[in-house]
Amino acid sequence: MNENPNESQPPPPGEQKAKKYAGNVALAMELPFTIVGAVVLGGLLGFFLDHWLHTKVVFTLLLGGVGFAAGLKEVLRRLG
């Protein structure tokens, strides 16, 4: 007799629904940090590059925009 219920029996529908809901909530909470983190990282790299090369805000804006595009691409990849 099989006493372990996890073998060969699918989890109850309520448990599957709860796991899916929790996964969606976790993803929704993570995605804004993905975009903001990419923009901040790109902006900081650009800022230090501008400081090192004695330029105005050229690289800060350029790498901040690249960071935004990369963050948006990552969000779309995770949602798709």
C-alpha atoms as a PDB file:
ATOM      1  CA  MET A   1       0.000   0.000   0.000  1.00  0.00           C
ATOM      2  CA  ASN A   2       1.312   3.457  -0.949  1.00  0.00           C
ATOM      3  CA  GLU A   3       1.205   5.775   2.079  1.00  0.00           C
ATOM      4  CA  ASN A   4       2.964   8.736   0.427  1.00  0.00           C
ATOM      5  CA  PRO A   5       0.233  10.898  -1.179  1.00  0.00           C
ATOM      6  CA  ASN A   6       2.730  12.857  -3.326  1.00  0.00           C
ATOM      7  CA  GLU A   7       3.493   9.850  -5.490  1.00  0.00           C
ATOM      8  CA  SER A   8       1.286   9.301  -8.546  1.00  0.00           C
ATOM      9  CA  GLN A   9      -1.522  11.569  -7.315  1.00  0.00           C
ATOM     10  CA  PRO A  10      -1.794  15.123  -8.670  1.00  0.00           C
ATOM     11  CA  PRO A  11      -2.160  17.896  -6.090  1.00  0.00           C
ATOM     12  CA  PRO A  12      -5.695  19.125  -5.414  1.00  0.00           C
ATOM     13  CA  PRO A  13      -7.000  21.864  -7.745  1.00  0.00           C
ATOM     14  CA  GLY A  14      -7.071  24.426  -4.938  1.00  0.00           C
ATOM     15  CA  GLU A  15      -3.396  23.897  -4.249  1.00  0.00           C
ATOM     16  CA  GLN A  16      -2.513  24.252  -7.936  1.00  0.00           C
ATOM     17  CA  LYS A  17      -4.492  27.480  -8.135  1.00  0.00           C
ATOM     18  CA  ALA A  18      -2.800  28.864  -5.009  1.00  0.00           C
ATOM     19  CA  LYS A  19       0.671  28.063  -6.366  1.00  0.00           C
ATOM     20  CA  LYS A  20      -0.117  29.725  -9.704  1.00  0.00           C
ATOM     21  CA  TYR A  21      -1.516  32.800  -7.943  1.00  0.00           C
ATOM     22  CA  ALA A  22       1.521  33.060  -5.658  1.00  0.00           C
ATOM     23  CA  GLY A  23       3.846  32.756  -8.640  1.00  0.00           C
ATOM     24  CA  ASN A  24       2.003  35.527 -10.486  1.00  0.00           C
ATOM     25  CA  VAL A  25       2.112  37.808  -7.439  1.00  0.00           C
ATOM     26  CA  ALA A  26       5.846  37.198  -7.020  1.00  0.00           C
ATOM     27  CA  LEU A  27       6.436  37.997 -10.690  1.00  0.00           C
ATOM     28  CA  ALA A  28       4.353  41.190 -10.480  1.00  0.00           C
ATOM     29  CA  MET A  29       6.361  42.354  -7.470  1.00  0.00           C
ATOM     30  CA  GLU A  30       9.687  41.538  -9.126  1.00  0.00           C
ATOM     31  CA  LEU A  31       9.188  43.203 -12.522  1.00  0.00           C
ATOM     32  CA  PRO A  32       9.321  46.884 -11.412  1.00  0.00           C
ATOM     33  CA  PHE A  33      12.620  46.206  -9.659  1.00  0.00           C
ATOM     34  CA  THR A  34      13.940  44.673 -12.868  1.00  0.00           C
ATOM     35  CA  ILE A  35      13.275  47.840 -14.879  1.00  0.00           C
ATOM     36  CA  VAL A  36      14.449  50.240 -12.172  1.00  0.00           C
ATOM     37  CA  GLY A  37      17.566  48.191 -11.487  1.00  0.00           C
ATOM     38  CA  ALA A  38      18.552  48.142 -15.151  1.00  0.00           C
ATOM     39  CA  VAL A  39      18.077  51.923 -15.509  1.00  0.00           C
ATOM     40  CA  VAL A  40      19.986  52.660 -12.302  1.00  0.00           C
ATOM     41  CA  LEU A  41      22.839  50.338 -13.249  1.00  0.00           C
ATOM     42  CA  GLY A  42      23.115  51.836 -16.733  1.00  0.00           C
ATOM     43  CA  GLY A  43      22.886  55.368 -15.369  1.00  0.00           C
ATOM     44  CA  LEU A  44      25.555  54.746 -12.752  1.00  0.00           C
ATOM     45  CA  LEU A  45      27.908  53.195 -15.280  1.00  0.00           C
ATOM     46  CA  GLY A  46      27.318  56.165 -17.561  1.00  0.00           C
ATOM     47  CA  PHE A  47      27.852  58.621 -14.706  1.00  0.00           C
ATOM     48  CA  PHE A  48      31.191  57.102 -13.761  1.00  0.00           C
ATOM     49  CA  LEU A  49      32.212  56.927 -17.421  1.00  0.00           C
ATOM     50  CA  ASP A  50      31.286  60.618 -17.835  1.00  0.00           C
ATOM     51  CA  HIS A  51      33.267  61.472 -14.722  1.00  0.00           C
ATOM     52  CA  TRP A  52      36.281  59.475 -15.898  1.00  0.00           C
ATOM     53  CA  LEU A  53      36.253  60.940 -19.429  1.00  0.00           C
ATOM     54  CA  HIS A  54      35.321  64.484 -18.265  1.00  0.00           C
ATOM     55  CA  THR A  55      32.254  64.657 -20.492  1.00  0.00           C
ATOM     56  CA  LYS A  56      28.877  66.158 -19.673  1.00  0.00           C
ATOM     57  CA  VAL A  57      25.924  63.764 -19.258  1.00  0.00           C
ATOM     58  CA  VAL A  58      26.290  62.014 -22.603  1.00  0.00           C
ATOM     59  CA  PHE A  59      27.082  58.528 -21.336  1.00  0.00           C
ATOM     60  CA  THR A  60      24.712  58.818 -18.374  1.00  0.00           C
ATOM     61  CA  LEU A  61      21.766  59.424 -20.679  1.00  0.00           C
ATOM     62  CA  LEU A  62      22.944  56.939 -23.292  1.00  0.00           C
ATOM     63  CA  LEU A  63      23.573  54.070 -20.881  1.00  0.00           C
ATOM     64  CA  GLY A  64      20.446  54.935 -18.874  1.00  0.00           C
ATOM     65  CA  GLY A  65      18.443  54.564 -22.092  1.00  0.00           C
ATOM     66  CA  VAL A  66      20.196  51.296 -22.889  1.00  0.00           C
ATOM     67  CA  GLY A  67      19.411  50.107 -19.349  1.00  0.00           C
ATOM     68  CA  PHE A  68      15.747  51.021 -19.818  1.00  0.00           C
ATOM     69  CA  ALA A  69      15.608  49.112 -23.103  1.00  0.00           C
ATOM     70  CA  ALA A  70      17.309  46.084 -21.541  1.00  0.00           C
ATOM     71  CA  GLY A  71      14.976  46.167 -18.527  1.00  0.00           C
ATOM     72  CA  LEU A  72      11.928  46.430 -20.762  1.00  0.00           C
ATOM     73  CA  LYS A  73      13.181  43.558 -22.908  1.00  0.00           C
ATOM     74  CA  GLU A  74      13.669  41.410 -19.793  1.00  0.00           C
ATOM     75  CA  VAL A  75      10.166  42.225 -18.509  1.00  0.00           C
ATOM     76  CA  LEU A  76       8.619  41.351 -21.867  1.00  0.00           C
ATOM     77  CA  ARG A  77      10.636  38.126 -21.982  1.00  0.00           C
ATOM     78  CA  ARG A  78       9.359  37.098 -18.550  1.00  0.00           C
ATOM     79  CA  LEU A  79       5.764  37.958 -19.377  1.00  0.00           C
ATOM     80  CA  GLY A  80       5.812  36.166 -22.729  1.00  0.00           C
END
